[in-house]
PDB file of N, CA and C in Angstrom:
ATOM      1  N   UNK A   1     -48.127  61.542  73.542  1.00  0.00           N
ATOM      2  CA  UNK A   1     -47.206  60.462  73.761  1.00  0.00           C
ATOM      3  C   UNK A   1     -47.066  59.578  72.535  1.00  0.00           C
ATOM      4  N   UNK A   2     -48.121  59.460  71.761  1.00  0.00           N
ATOM      5  CA  UNK A   2     -48.059  58.580  70.596  1.00  0.00           C
ATOM      6  C   UNK A   2     -47.081  59.099  69.546  1.00  0.00           C
ATOM      7  N   UNK A   3     -46.833  60.401  69.513  1.00  0.00           N
ATOM      8  CA  UNK A   3     -45.911  60.948  68.523  1.00  0.00           C
ATOM      9  C   UNK A   3     -44.452  60.684  68.887  1.00  0.00           C
ATOM     10  N   UNK A   4     -44.164  60.361  70.146  1.00  0.00           N
ATOM     11  CA  UNK A   4     -42.800  60.084  70.578  1.00  0.00           C
ATOM     12  C   UNK A   4     -42.386  58.648  70.304  1.00  0.00           C
ATOM     13  N   UNK A   5     -43.269  57.882  69.760  1.00  0.00           N
ATOM     14  CA  UNK A   5     -42.978  56.471  69.519  1.00  0.00           C
ATOM     15  C   UNK A   5     -42.467  56.257  68.096  1.00  0.00           C
ATOM     16  N   UNK A   6     -41.658  55.211  67.967  1.00  0.00           N
ATOM     17  CA  UNK A   6     -41.187  54.836  66.637  1.00  0.00           C
ATOM     18  C   UNK A   6     -41.040  53.322  66.584  1.00  0.00           C
ATOM     19  N   UNK A   7     -41.061  52.821  65.389  1.00  0.00           N
ATOM     20  CA  UNK A   7     -40.880  51.382  65.210  1.00  0.00           C
ATOM     21  C   UNK A   7     -39.386  51.063  65.282  1.00  0.00           C
ATOM     22  N   UNK A   8     -39.104  49.807  65.500  1.00  0.00           N
ATOM     23  CA  UNK A   8     -37.722  49.358  65.623  1.00  0.00           C
ATOM     24  C   UNK A   8     -36.929  49.679  64.365  1.00  0.00           C
ATOM     25  N   UNK A   9     -37.511  49.499  63.200  1.00  0.00           N
ATOM     26  CA  UNK A   9     -36.782  49.745  61.964  1.00  0.00           C
ATOM     27  C   UNK A   9     -36.544  51.237  61.724  1.00  0.00           C
ATOM     28  N   UNK A  10     -37.218  52.122  62.458  1.00  0.00           N
ATOM     29  CA  UNK A  10     -37.024  53.575  62.341  1.00  0.00           C
ATOM     30  C   UNK A  10     -36.074  54.121  63.410  1.00  0.00           C
ATOM     31  N   UNK A  11     -35.721  53.312  64.388  1.00  0.00           N
ATOM     32  CA  UNK A  11     -34.949  53.802  65.535  1.00  0.00           C
ATOM     33  C   UNK A  11     -33.599  54.404  65.126  1.00  0.00           C
ATOM     34  N   UNK A  12     -32.877  53.759  64.249  1.00  0.00           N
ATOM     35  CA  UNK A  12     -31.573  54.283  63.827  1.00  0.00           C
ATOM     36  C   UNK A  12     -31.725  55.654  63.181  1.00  0.00           C
ATOM     37  N   UNK A  13     -32.763  55.809  62.370  1.00  0.00           N
ATOM     38  CA  UNK A  13     -33.003  57.099  61.713  1.00  0.00           C
ATOM     39  C   UNK A  13     -33.341  58.194  62.731  1.00  0.00           C
ATOM     40  N   UNK A  14     -34.147  57.890  63.706  1.00  0.00           N
ATOM     41  CA  UNK A  14     -34.548  58.860  64.738  1.00  0.00           C
ATOM     42  C   UNK A  14     -33.336  59.263  65.584  1.00  0.00           C
ATOM     43  N   UNK A  15     -32.516  58.279  65.943  1.00  0.00           N
ATOM     44  CA  UNK A  15     -31.313  58.579  66.738  1.00  0.00           C
ATOM     45  C   UNK A  15     -30.357  59.457  65.941  1.00  0.00           C
ATOM     46  N   UNK A  16     -30.168  59.153  64.663  1.00  0.00           N
ATOM     47  CA  UNK A  16     -29.278  59.959  63.820  1.00  0.00           C
ATOM     48  C   UNK A  16     -29.795  61.390  63.674  1.00  0.00           C
ATOM     49  N   UNK A  17     -31.096  61.579  63.571  1.00  0.00           N
ATOM     50  CA  UNK A  17     -31.663  62.932  63.501  1.00  0.00           C
ATOM     51  C   UNK A  17     -31.358  63.710  64.771  1.00  0.00           C
ATOM     52  N   UNK A  18     -31.524  63.062  65.914  1.00  0.00           N
ATOM     53  CA  UNK A  18     -31.225  63.710  67.188  1.00  0.00           C
ATOM     54  C   UNK A  18     -29.765  64.088  67.317  1.00  0.00           C
ATOM     55  N   UNK A  19     -28.891  63.184  66.923  1.00  0.00           N
ATOM     56  CA  UNK A  19     -27.457  63.469  66.985  1.00  0.00           C
ATOM     57  C   UNK A  19     -27.068  64.584  66.017  1.00  0.00           C
ATOM     58  N   UNK A  20     -27.665  64.611  64.840  1.00  0.00           N
ATOM     59  CA  UNK A  20     -27.372  65.661  63.871  1.00  0.00           C
ATOM     60  C   UNK A  20     -27.841  67.017  64.386  1.00  0.00           C
ATOM     61  N   UNK A  21     -28.994  67.047  65.025  1.00  0.00           N
ATOM     62  CA  UNK A  21     -29.502  68.299  65.595  1.00  0.00           C
ATOM     63  C   UNK A  21     -28.566  68.817  66.683  1.00  0.00           C
ATOM     64  N   UNK A  22     -28.084  67.912  67.544  1.00  0.00           N
ATOM     65  CA  UNK A  22     -27.133  68.308  68.587  1.00  0.00           C
ATOM     66  C   UNK A  22     -25.824  68.799  67.970  1.00  0.00           C
ATOM     67  N   UNK A  23     -25.339  68.123  66.945  1.00  0.00           N
ATOM     68  CA  UNK A  23     -24.094  68.528  66.288  1.00  0.00           C
ATOM     69  C   UNK A  23     -24.228  69.914  65.668  1.00  0.00           C
ATOM     70  N   UNK A  24     -25.372  70.200  65.057  1.00  0.00           N
ATOM     71  CA  UNK A  24     -25.586  71.520  64.457  1.00  0.00           C
ATOM     72  C   UNK A  24     -25.585  72.614  65.526  1.00  0.00           C
ATOM     73  N   UNK A  25     -26.263  72.365  66.641  1.00  0.00           N
ATOM     74  CA  UNK A  25     -26.290  73.354  67.725  1.00  0.00           C
ATOM     75  C   UNK A  25     -24.898  73.545  68.329  1.00  0.00           C
ATOM     76  N   UNK A  26     -24.184  72.445  68.526  1.00  0.00           N
ATOM     77  CA  UNK A  26     -22.838  72.530  69.098  1.00  0.00           C
ATOM     78  C   UNK A  26     -21.890  73.254  68.154  1.00  0.00           C
ATOM     79  N   UNK A  27     -22.030  73.046  66.861  1.00  0.00           N
ATOM     80  CA  UNK A  27     -21.167  73.702  65.882  1.00  0.00           C
ATOM     81  C   UNK A  27     -21.364  75.212  65.915  1.00  0.00           C
ATOM     82  N   UNK A  28     -22.603  75.654  65.983  1.00  0.00           N
ATOM     83  CA  UNK A  28     -22.869  77.096  66.056  1.00  0.00           C
ATOM     84  C   UNK A  28     -22.241  77.699  67.303  1.00  0.00           C
ATOM     85  N   UNK A  29     -22.372  77.009  68.430  1.00  0.00           N
ATOM     86  CA  UNK A  29     -21.785  77.502  69.676  1.00  0.00           C
ATOM     87  C   UNK A  29     -20.261  77.521  69.600  1.00  0.00           C
ATOM     88  N   UNK A  30     -19.673  76.519  68.976  1.00  0.00           N
ATOM     89  CA  UNK A  30     -18.215  76.460  68.839  1.00  0.00           C
ATOM     90  C   UNK A  30     -17.706  77.614  67.972  1.00  0.00           C
ATOM     91  N   UNK A  31     -18.389  77.863  66.874  1.00  0.00           N
ATOM     92  CA  UNK A  31     -17.970  78.959  66.001  1.00  0.00           C
ATOM     93  C   UNK A  31     -18.078  80.297  66.719  1.00  0.00           C
ATOM     94  N   UNK A  32     -19.122  80.486  67.505  1.00  0.00           N
ATOM     95  CA  UNK A  32     -19.259  81.724  68.276  1.00  0.00           C
ATOM     96  C   UNK A  32     -18.140  81.849  69.304  1.00  0.00           C
ATOM     97  N   UNK A  33     -17.769  80.733  69.935  1.00  0.00           N
ATOM     98  CA  UNK A  33     -16.685  80.748  70.914  1.00  0.00           C
ATOM     99  C   UNK A  33     -15.355  81.083  70.254  1.00  0.00           C
ATOM    100  N   UNK A  34     -15.115  80.547  69.068  1.00  0.00           N
ATOM    101  CA  UNK A  34     -13.860  80.831  68.350  1.00  0.00           C
ATOM    102  C   UNK A  34     -13.796  82.315  67.980  1.00  0.00           C
ATOM    103  N   UNK A  35     -14.904  82.873  67.487  1.00  0.00           N
ATOM    104  CA  UNK A  35     -14.929  84.300  67.147  1.00  0.00           C
ATOM    105  C   UNK A  35     -14.681  85.160  68.380  1.00  0.00           C
ATOM    106  N   UNK A  36     -15.312  84.788  69.497  1.00  0.00           N
ATOM    107  CA  UNK A  36     -15.154  85.558  70.730  1.00  0.00           C
ATOM    108  C   UNK A  36     -13.702  85.505  71.217  1.00  0.00           C
ATOM    109  N   UNK A  37     -13.093  84.330  71.165  1.00  0.00           N
ATOM    110  CA  UNK A  37     -11.700  84.187  71.590  1.00  0.00           C
ATOM    111  C   UNK A  37     -10.757  84.961  70.671  1.00  0.00           C
ATOM    112  N   UNK A  38     -11.028  84.955  69.367  1.00  0.00           N
ATOM    113  CA  UNK A  38     -10.198  85.721  68.434  1.00  0.00           C
ATOM    114  C   UNK A  38     -10.278  87.216  68.690  1.00  0.00           C
ATOM    115  N   UNK A  39     -11.477  87.710  68.924  1.00  0.00           N
ATOM    116  CA  UNK A  39     -11.635  89.140  69.219  1.00  0.00           C
ATOM    117  C   UNK A  39     -10.990  89.513  70.548  1.00  0.00           C
ATOM    118  N   UNK A  40     -11.054  88.605  71.540  1.00  0.00           N
ATOM    119  CA  UNK A  40     -10.408  88.859  72.830  1.00  0.00           C
ATOM    120  C   UNK A  40      -8.893  88.899  72.650  1.00  0.00           C
ATOM    121  N   UNK A  41      -8.354  87.996  71.843  1.00  0.00           N
ATOM    122  CA  UNK A  41      -6.908  87.988  71.602  1.00  0.00           C
ATOM    123  C   UNK A  41      -6.478  89.287  70.930  1.00  0.00           C
ATOM    124  N   UNK A  42      -7.243  89.737  69.964  1.00  0.00           N
ATOM    125  CA  UNK A  42      -6.926  90.996  69.271  1.00  0.00           C
ATOM    126  C   UNK A  42      -6.924  92.165  70.246  1.00  0.00           C
ATOM    127  N   UNK A  43      -7.944  92.256  71.076  1.00  0.00           N
ATOM    128  CA  UNK A  43      -8.019  93.384  72.009  1.00  0.00           C
ATOM    129  C   UNK A  43      -6.913  93.314  73.055  1.00  0.00           C
ATOM    130  N   UNK A  44      -6.542  92.095  73.484  1.00  0.00           N
ATOM    131  CA  UNK A  44      -5.449  91.955  74.448  1.00  0.00           C
ATOM    132  C   UNK A  44      -4.103  92.325  73.827  1.00  0.00           C
ATOM    133  N   UNK A  45      -3.880  91.932  72.585  1.00  0.00           N
ATOM    134  CA  UNK A  45      -2.631  92.302  71.902  1.00  0.00           C
ATOM    135  C   UNK A  45      -2.566  93.820  71.758  1.00  0.00           C
ATOM    136  N   UNK A  46      -3.663  94.429  71.353  1.00  0.00           N
ATOM    137  CA  UNK A  46      -3.681  95.879  71.204  1.00  0.00           C
ATOM    138  C   UNK A  46      -3.457  96.573  72.540  1.00  0.00           C
ATOM    139  N   UNK A  47      -4.018  96.031  73.606  1.00  0.00           N
ATOM    140  CA  UNK A  47      -3.851  96.657  74.926  1.00  0.00           C
ATOM    141  C   UNK A  47      -2.408  96.560  75.418  1.00  0.00           C
ATOM    142  N   UNK A  48      -1.713  95.458  75.097  1.00  0.00           N
ATOM    143  CA  UNK A  48      -0.355  95.268  75.568  1.00  0.00           C
ATOM    144  C   UNK A  48       0.728  95.728  74.619  1.00  0.00           C
ATOM    145  N   UNK A  49       0.350  96.145  73.419  1.00  0.00           N
ATOM    146  CA  UNK A  49       1.342  96.538  72.414  1.00  0.00           C
ATOM    147  C   UNK A  49       2.013  97.853  72.798  1.00  0.00           C
ATOM    148  N   UNK A  50       3.309  97.952  72.515  1.00  0.00           N
ATOM    149  CA  UNK A  50       4.000  99.221  72.784  1.00  0.00           C
ATOM    150  C   UNK A  50       3.503 100.306  71.830  1.00  0.00           C
ATOM    151  N   UNK A  51       3.505 101.538  72.331  1.00  0.00           N
ATOM    152  CA  UNK A  51       2.975 102.648  71.538  1.00  0.00           C
ATOM    153  C   UNK A  51       4.079 103.672  71.306  1.00  0.00           C
ATOM    154  N   UNK A  52       4.418 103.876  70.050  1.00  0.00           N
ATOM    155  CA  UNK A  52       5.322 104.958  69.677  1.00  0.00           C
ATOM    156  C   UNK A  52       4.494 105.971  68.895  1.00  0.00           C
ATOM    157  N   UNK A  53       3.929 105.525  67.776  1.00  0.00           N
ATOM    158  CA  UNK A  53       3.026 106.381  67.006  1.00  0.00           C
ATOM    159  C   UNK A  53       1.588 105.879  67.082  1.00  0.00           C
ATOM    160  N   UNK A  54       1.397 104.634  67.514  1.00  0.00           N
ATOM    161  CA  UNK A  54       0.071 104.046  67.588  1.00  0.00           C
ATOM    162  C   UNK A  54      -0.307 103.246  66.358  1.00  0.00           C
ATOM    163  N   UNK A  55       0.492 103.316  65.294  1.00  0.00           N
ATOM    164  CA  UNK A  55       0.172 102.590  64.060  1.00  0.00           C
ATOM    165  C   UNK A  55       0.264 101.081  64.248  1.00  0.00           C
ATOM    166  N   UNK A  56       1.255 100.620  65.004  1.00  0.00           N
ATOM    167  CA  UNK A  56       1.404  99.184  65.247  1.00  0.00           C
ATOM    168  C   UNK A  56       0.217  98.658  66.045  1.00  0.00           C
ATOM    169  N   UNK A  57      -0.171  99.389  67.048  1.00  0.00           N
ATOM    170  CA  UNK A  57      -1.288  98.977  67.893  1.00  0.00           C
ATOM    171  C   UNK A  57      -2.586  98.898  67.094  1.00  0.00           C
ATOM    172  N   UNK A  58      -2.797  99.831  66.194  1.00  0.00           N
ATOM    173  CA  UNK A  58      -4.027  99.877  65.394  1.00  0.00           C
ATOM    174  C   UNK A  58      -4.027  98.842  64.268  1.00  0.00           C
ATOM    175  N   UNK A  59      -2.873  98.270  63.945  1.00  0.00           N
ATOM    176  CA  UNK A  59      -2.770  97.395  62.779  1.00  0.00           C
ATOM    177  C   UNK A  59      -3.283  95.980  63.016  1.00  0.00           C
ATOM    178  N   UNK A  60      -3.654  95.623  64.230  1.00  0.00           N
ATOM    179  CA  UNK A  60      -4.074  94.255  64.529  1.00  0.00           C
ATOM    180  C   UNK A  60      -5.502  94.011  64.076  1.00  0.00           C
ATOM    181  N   UNK A  61      -5.729  92.806  63.511  1.00  0.00           N
ATOM    182  CA  UNK A  61      -7.047  92.446  62.989  1.00  0.00           C
ATOM    183  C   UNK A  61      -7.287  90.946  63.187  1.00  0.00           C
ATOM    184  N   UNK A  62      -8.556  90.565  63.090  1.00  0.00           N
ATOM    185  CA  UNK A  62      -8.961  89.159  63.160  1.00  0.00           C
ATOM    186  C   UNK A  62      -9.507  88.783  61.793  1.00  0.00           C
ATOM    187  N   UNK A  63      -9.019  87.661  61.265  1.00  0.00           N
ATOM    188  CA  UNK A  63      -9.446  87.213  59.940  1.00  0.00           C
ATOM    189  C   UNK A  63      -9.864  85.753  60.027  1.00  0.00           C
ATOM    190  N   UNK A  64     -11.000  85.423  59.433  1.00  0.00           N
ATOM    191  CA  UNK A  64     -11.434  84.031  59.347  1.00  0.00           C
ATOM    192  C   UNK A  64     -10.660  83.382  58.209  1.00  0.00           C
ATOM    193  N   UNK A  65      -9.794  82.424  58.554  1.00  0.00           N
ATOM    194  CA  UNK A  65      -8.945  81.808  57.542  1.00  0.00           C
ATOM    195  C   UNK A  65      -9.552  80.539  56.966  1.00  0.00           C
ATOM    196  N   UNK A  66     -10.244  79.747  57.775  1.00  0.00           N
ATOM    197  CA  UNK A  66     -10.886  78.529  57.297  1.00  0.00           C
ATOM    198  C   UNK A  66     -12.248  78.407  57.962  1.00  0.00           C
ATOM    199  N   UNK A  67     -13.230  78.059  57.162  1.00  0.00           N
ATOM    200  CA  UNK A  67     -14.549  77.794  57.730  1.00  0.00           C
ATOM    201  C   UNK A  67     -15.291  76.829  56.821  1.00  0.00           C
ATOM    202  N   UNK A  68     -15.861  75.820  57.432  1.00  0.00           N
ATOM    203  CA  UNK A  68     -16.750  74.916  56.716  1.00  0.00           C
ATOM    204  C   UNK A  68     -17.951  74.651  57.617  1.00  0.00           C
ATOM    205  N   UNK A  69     -18.720  73.650  57.320  1.00  0.00           N
ATOM    206  CA  UNK A  69     -19.951  73.400  58.069  1.00  0.00           C
ATOM    207  C   UNK A  69     -19.687  73.017  59.527  1.00  0.00           C
ATOM    208  N   UNK A  70     -18.536  72.416  59.807  1.00  0.00           N
ATOM    209  CA  UNK A  70     -18.283  71.920  61.151  1.00  0.00           C
ATOM    210  C   UNK A  70     -17.047  72.497  61.828  1.00  0.00           C
ATOM    211  N   UNK A  71     -16.333  73.398  61.189  1.00  0.00           N
ATOM    212  CA  UNK A  71     -15.105  73.922  61.777  1.00  0.00           C
ATOM    213  C   UNK A  71     -14.894  75.378  61.375  1.00  0.00           C
ATOM    214  N   UNK A  72     -14.132  76.074  62.201  1.00  0.00           N
ATOM    215  CA  UNK A  72     -13.804  77.471  61.921  1.00  0.00           C
ATOM    216  C   UNK A  72     -12.428  77.766  62.497  1.00  0.00           C
ATOM    217  N   UNK A  73     -11.650  78.537  61.762  1.00  0.00           N
ATOM    218  CA  UNK A  73     -10.320  78.943  62.210  1.00  0.00           C
ATOM    219  C   UNK A  73     -10.170  80.435  61.971  1.00  0.00           C
ATOM    220  N   UNK A  74      -9.746  81.155  63.012  1.00  0.00           N
ATOM    221  CA  UNK A  74      -9.493  82.584  62.861  1.00  0.00           C
ATOM    222  C   UNK A  74      -8.023  82.850  63.122  1.00  0.00           C
ATOM    223  N   UNK A  75      -7.519  83.896  62.495  1.00  0.00           N
ATOM    224  CA  UNK A  75      -6.132  84.300  62.668  1.00  0.00           C
ATOM    225  C   UNK A  75      -6.101  85.738  63.131  1.00  0.00           C
ATOM    226  N   UNK A  76      -5.353  85.988  64.193  1.00  0.00           N
ATOM    227  CA  UNK A  76      -5.131  87.348  64.673  1.00  0.00           C
ATOM    228  C   UNK A  76      -3.773  87.763  64.127  1.00  0.00           C
ATOM    229  N   UNK A  77      -3.737  88.873  63.386  1.00  0.00           N
ATOM    230  CA  UNK A  77      -2.495  89.255  62.725  1.00  0.00           C
ATOM    231  C   UNK A  77      -2.389  90.777  62.632  1.00  0.00           C
ATOM    232  N   UNK A  78      -1.175  91.221  62.381  1.00  0.00           N
ATOM    233  CA  UNK A  78      -0.917  92.631  62.126  1.00  0.00           C
ATOM    234  C   UNK A  78      -0.993  92.848  60.622  1.00  0.00           C
ATOM    235  N   UNK A  79      -1.891  93.713  60.196  1.00  0.00           N
ATOM    236  CA  UNK A  79      -2.149  93.878  58.762  1.00  0.00           C
ATOM    237  C   UNK A  79      -0.948  94.423  58.001  1.00  0.00           C
ATOM    238  N   UNK A  80      -0.338  95.484  58.498  1.00  0.00           N
ATOM    239  CA  UNK A  80       0.732  96.113  57.731  1.00  0.00           C
ATOM    240  C   UNK A  80       2.007  96.339  58.538  1.00  0.00           C
ATOM    241  N   UNK A  81       2.053  95.887  59.763  1.00  0.00           N
ATOM    242  CA  UNK A  81       3.249  96.021  60.590  1.00  0.00           C
ATOM    243  C   UNK A  81       3.722  94.653  61.083  1.00  0.00           C
ATOM    244  N   UNK A  82       3.475  93.627  60.277  1.00  0.00           N
ATOM    245  CA  UNK A  82       3.788  92.260  60.683  1.00  0.00           C
ATOM    246  C   UNK A  82       5.282  92.049  60.892  1.00  0.00           C
ATOM    247  N   UNK A  83       6.119  92.866  60.260  1.00  0.00           N
ATOM    248  CA  UNK A  83       7.566  92.712  60.409  1.00  0.00           C
ATOM    249  C   UNK A  83       8.011  93.038  61.837  1.00  0.00           C
ATOM    250  N   UNK A  84       7.278  93.900  62.521  1.00  0.00           N
ATOM    251  CA  UNK A  84       7.659  94.327  63.859  1.00  0.00           C
ATOM    252  C   UNK A  84       7.234  93.364  64.953  1.00  0.00           C
ATOM    253  N   UNK A  85       6.245  92.541  64.695  1.00  0.00           N
ATOM    254  CA  UNK A  85       5.655  91.716  65.752  1.00  0.00           C
ATOM    255  C   UNK A  85       6.698  90.852  66.455  1.00  0.00           C
ATOM    256  N   UNK A  86       7.482  90.110  65.712  1.00  0.00           N
ATOM    257  CA  UNK A  86       8.489  89.229  66.300  1.00  0.00           C
ATOM    258  C   UNK A  86       9.589  90.038  66.990  1.00  0.00           C
ATOM    259  N   UNK A  87      10.004  91.127  66.380  1.00  0.00           N
ATOM    260  CA  UNK A  87      11.077  91.937  66.961  1.00  0.00           C
ATOM    261  C   UNK A  87      10.648  92.566  68.286  1.00  0.00           C
ATOM    262  N   UNK A  88       9.426  93.045  68.358  1.00  0.00           N
ATOM    263  CA  UNK A  88       8.944  93.645  69.592  1.00  0.00           C
ATOM    264  C   UNK A  88       8.645  92.596  70.652  1.00  0.00           C
ATOM    265  N   UNK A  89       8.139  91.452  70.253  1.00  0.00           N
ATOM    266  CA  UNK A  89       7.780  90.404  71.213  1.00  0.00           C
ATOM    267  C   UNK A  89       9.019  89.843  71.921  1.00  0.00           C
ATOM    268  N   UNK A  90      10.098  89.617  71.184  1.00  0.00           N
ATOM    269  CA  UNK A  90      11.268  88.951  71.744  1.00  0.00           C
ATOM    270  C   UNK A  90      12.505  89.836  71.871  1.00  0.00           C
ATOM    271  N   UNK A  91      12.477  91.051  71.359  1.00  0.00           N
ATOM    272  CA  UNK A  91      13.669  91.877  71.326  1.00  0.00           C
ATOM    273  C   UNK A  91      14.555  91.446  70.169  1.00  0.00           C
ATOM    274  N   UNK A  92      15.597  92.228  69.902  1.00  0.00           N
ATOM    275  CA  UNK A  92      16.484  91.879  68.793  1.00  0.00           C
ATOM    276  C   UNK A  92      17.846  92.499  69.035  1.00  0.00           C
ATOM    277  N   UNK A  93      18.836  92.019  68.278  1.00  0.00           N
ATOM    278  CA  UNK A  93      20.192  92.537  68.397  1.00  0.00           C
ATOM    279  C   UNK A  93      20.279  93.910  67.742  1.00  0.00           C
ATOM    280  N   UNK A  94      21.033  94.793  68.372  1.00  0.00           N
ATOM    281  CA  UNK A  94      21.239  96.127  67.803  1.00  0.00           C
ATOM    282  C   UNK A  94      22.476  96.117  66.916  1.00  0.00           C
ATOM    283  N   UNK A  95      22.554  97.068  66.046  1.00  0.00           N
ATOM    284  CA  UNK A  95      23.651  97.129  65.083  1.00  0.00           C
ATOM    285  C   UNK A  95      25.003  97.280  65.776  1.00  0.00           C
ATOM    286  N   UNK A  96      25.094  98.113  66.783  1.00  0.00           N
ATOM    287  CA  UNK A  96      26.366  98.363  67.466  1.00  0.00           C
ATOM    288  C   UNK A  96      26.656  97.389  68.584  1.00  0.00           C
ATOM    289  N   UNK A  97      25.847  96.380  68.756  1.00  0.00           N
ATOM    290  CA  UNK A  97      26.017  95.411  69.834  1.00  0.00           C
ATOM    291  C   UNK A  97      24.936  95.602  70.886  1.00  0.00           C
ATOM    292  N   UNK A  98      24.711  94.579  71.637  1.00  0.00           N
ATOM    293  CA  UNK A  98      23.666  94.618  72.655  1.00  0.00           C
ATOM    294  C   UNK A  98      22.315  94.193  72.086  1.00  0.00           C
ATOM    295  N   UNK A  99      21.315  94.268  72.917  1.00  0.00           N
ATOM    296  CA  UNK A  99      19.973  93.848  72.515  1.00  0.00           C
ATOM    297  C   UNK A  99      18.961  94.903  72.940  1.00  0.00           C
ATOM    298  N   UNK A 100      17.863  94.925  72.230  1.00  0.00           N
ATOM    299  CA  UNK A 100      16.770  95.811  72.613  1.00  0.00           C
ATOM    300  C   UNK A 100      15.883  95.099  73.626  1.00  0.00           C
ATOM    301  N   UNK A 101      15.079  95.857  74.306  1.00  0.00           N
ATOM    302  CA  UNK A 101      14.156  95.314  75.293  1.00  0.00           C
ATOM    303  C   UNK A 101      12.994  94.590  74.592  1.00  0.00           C
ATOM    304  N   UNK A 102      12.551  93.485  75.164  1.00  0.00           N
ATOM    305  CA  UNK A 102      11.408  92.749  74.619  1.00  0.00           C
ATOM    306  C   UNK A 102      10.119  93.317  75.213  1.00  0.00           C
ATOM    307  N   UNK A 103       9.083  93.372  74.408  1.00  0.00           N
ATOM    308  CA  UNK A 103       7.752  93.788  74.844  1.00  0.00           C
ATOM    309  C   UNK A 103       6.794  92.619  74.637  1.00  0.00           C
ATOM    310  N   UNK A 104       6.755  91.658  75.561  1.00  0.00           N
ATOM    311  CA  UNK A 104       5.875  90.505  75.357  1.00  0.00           C
ATOM    312  C   UNK A 104       4.406  90.928  75.437  1.00  0.00           C
ATOM    313  N   UNK A 105       3.732  90.878  74.313  1.00  0.00           N
ATOM    314  CA  UNK A 105       2.324  91.262  74.276  1.00  0.00           C
ATOM    315  C   UNK A 105       1.481  90.256  73.498  1.00  0.00           C
ATOM    316  N   UNK A 106       2.100  89.411  72.693  1.00  0.00           N
ATOM    317  CA  UNK A 106       1.355  88.434  71.904  1.00  0.00           C
ATOM    318  C   UNK A 106       1.130  87.146  72.697  1.00  0.00           C
ATOM    319  N   UNK A 107       2.165  86.636  73.344  1.00  0.00           N
ATOM    320  CA  UNK A 107       2.053  85.374  74.086  1.00  0.00           C
ATOM    321  C   UNK A 107       1.028  85.461  75.221  1.00  0.00           C
ATOM    322  N   UNK A 108       1.014  86.523  76.031  1.00  0.00           N
ATOM    323  CA  UNK A 108      -0.016  86.596  77.075  1.00  0.00           C
ATOM    324  C   UNK A 108      -1.430  86.659  76.504  1.00  0.00           C
ATOM    325  N   UNK A 109      -1.600  87.351  75.389  1.00  0.00           N
ATOM    326  CA  UNK A 109      -2.922  87.438  74.748  1.00  0.00           C
ATOM    327  C   UNK A 109      -3.348  86.077  74.218  1.00  0.00           C
ATOM    328  N   UNK A 110      -2.404  85.325  73.672  1.00  0.00           N
ATOM    329  CA  UNK A 110      -2.716  83.987  73.161  1.00  0.00           C
ATOM    330  C   UNK A 110      -3.144  83.061  74.296  1.00  0.00           C
ATOM    331  N   UNK A 111      -2.438  83.115  75.415  1.00  0.00           N
ATOM    332  CA  UNK A 111      -2.791  82.265  76.558  1.00  0.00           C
ATOM    333  C   UNK A 111      -4.165  82.627  77.109  1.00  0.00           C
ATOM    334  N   UNK A 112      -4.433  83.912  77.195  1.00  0.00           N
ATOM    335  CA  UNK A 112      -5.727  84.372  77.687  1.00  0.00           C
ATOM    336  C   UNK A 112      -6.861  83.936  76.763  1.00  0.00           C
ATOM    337  N   UNK A 113      -6.651  84.033  75.464  1.00  0.00           N
ATOM    338  CA  UNK A 113      -7.672  83.632  74.498  1.00  0.00           C
ATOM    339  C   UNK A 113      -7.896  82.119  74.533  1.00  0.00           C
ATOM    340  N   UNK A 114      -6.841  81.344  74.745  1.00  0.00           N
ATOM    341  CA  UNK A 114      -6.983  79.894  74.827  1.00  0.00           C
ATOM    342  C   UNK A 114      -7.816  79.496  76.047  1.00  0.00           C
ATOM    343  N   UNK A 115      -7.583  80.172  77.172  1.00  0.00           N
ATOM    344  CA  UNK A 115      -8.386  79.910  78.371  1.00  0.00           C
ATOM    345  C   UNK A 115      -9.846  80.279  78.137  1.00  0.00           C
ATOM    346  N   UNK A 116     -10.077  81.428  77.516  1.00  0.00           N
ATOM    347  CA  UNK A 116     -11.440  81.858  77.232  1.00  0.00           C
ATOM    348  C   UNK A 116     -12.137  80.863  76.304  1.00  0.00           C
ATOM    349  N   UNK A 117     -11.444  80.393  75.279  1.00  0.00           N
ATOM    350  CA  UNK A 117     -12.021  79.433  74.348  1.00  0.00           C
ATOM    351  C   UNK A 117     -12.406  78.146  75.075  1.00  0.00           C
ATOM    352  N   UNK A 118     -11.532  77.680  75.943  1.00  0.00           N
ATOM    353  CA  UNK A 118     -11.824  76.458  76.690  1.00  0.00           C
ATOM    354  C   UNK A 118     -13.058  76.629  77.570  1.00  0.00           C
ATOM    355  N   UNK A 119     -13.159  77.758  78.260  1.00  0.00           N
ATOM    356  CA  UNK A 119     -14.318  78.014  79.122  1.00  0.00           C
ATOM    357  C   UNK A 119     -15.599  78.127  78.312  1.00  0.00           C
ATOM    358  N   UNK A 120     -15.535  78.805  77.165  1.00  0.00           N
ATOM    359  CA  UNK A 120     -16.725  78.972  76.320  1.00  0.00           C
ATOM    360  C   UNK A 120     -17.186  77.636  75.742  1.00  0.00           C
ATOM    361  N   UNK A 121     -16.241  76.779  75.373  1.00  0.00           N
ATOM    362  CA  UNK A 121     -16.591  75.469  74.829  1.00  0.00           C
ATOM    363  C   UNK A 121     -17.263  74.613  75.894  1.00  0.00           C
ATOM    364  N   UNK A 122     -16.681  74.620  77.100  1.00  0.00           N
ATOM    365  CA  UNK A 122     -17.287  73.855  78.194  1.00  0.00           C
ATOM    366  C   UNK A 122     -18.690  74.361  78.497  1.00  0.00           C
ATOM    367  N   UNK A 123     -18.863  75.683  78.514  1.00  0.00           N
ATOM    368  CA  UNK A 123     -20.172  76.269  78.796  1.00  0.00           C
ATOM    369  C   UNK A 123     -21.171  75.917  77.691  1.00  0.00           C
ATOM    370  N   UNK A 124     -20.729  75.911  76.460  1.00  0.00           N
ATOM    371  CA  UNK A 124     -21.624  75.632  75.335  1.00  0.00           C
ATOM    372  C   UNK A 124     -22.060  74.169  75.314  1.00  0.00           C
ATOM    373  N   UNK A 125     -21.195  73.279  75.723  1.00  0.00           N
ATOM    374  CA  UNK A 125     -21.520  71.854  75.654  1.00  0.00           C
ATOM    375  C   UNK A 125     -22.306  71.344  76.852  1.00  0.00           C
ATOM    376  N   UNK A 126     -22.482  72.157  77.872  1.00  0.00           N
ATOM    377  CA  UNK A 126     -23.270  71.735  79.048  1.00  0.00           C
ATOM    378  C   UNK A 126     -24.727  71.925  78.801  1.00  0.00           C
TER     379      UNK A 126
END
């Protein structure tokens, strides 16, 4: 019990150490949640992507775009078929008139990943 005691002039330092320790643990959990949500978004996009040759479906990847001690940002993108993503997601006008069919596969994956991220963050902070 004597080791848990501190003097009044040390209290601010002890409280700051405790808060810093909690922040470090929370940051690690947040980064893990962001990685998990990014990988889930990638797998959902691949699962919902239209398949003609399979190259578009295989082209999706997760890339860490920003990371520092307290934050992390990942991007889910198509490595070499990025030109098709918007056209397939929303459809497009055909040369002779009319429109092609839309294959919505990115928006549902994004919504699912956002829900997963929210649940993981809540679980990590409890």
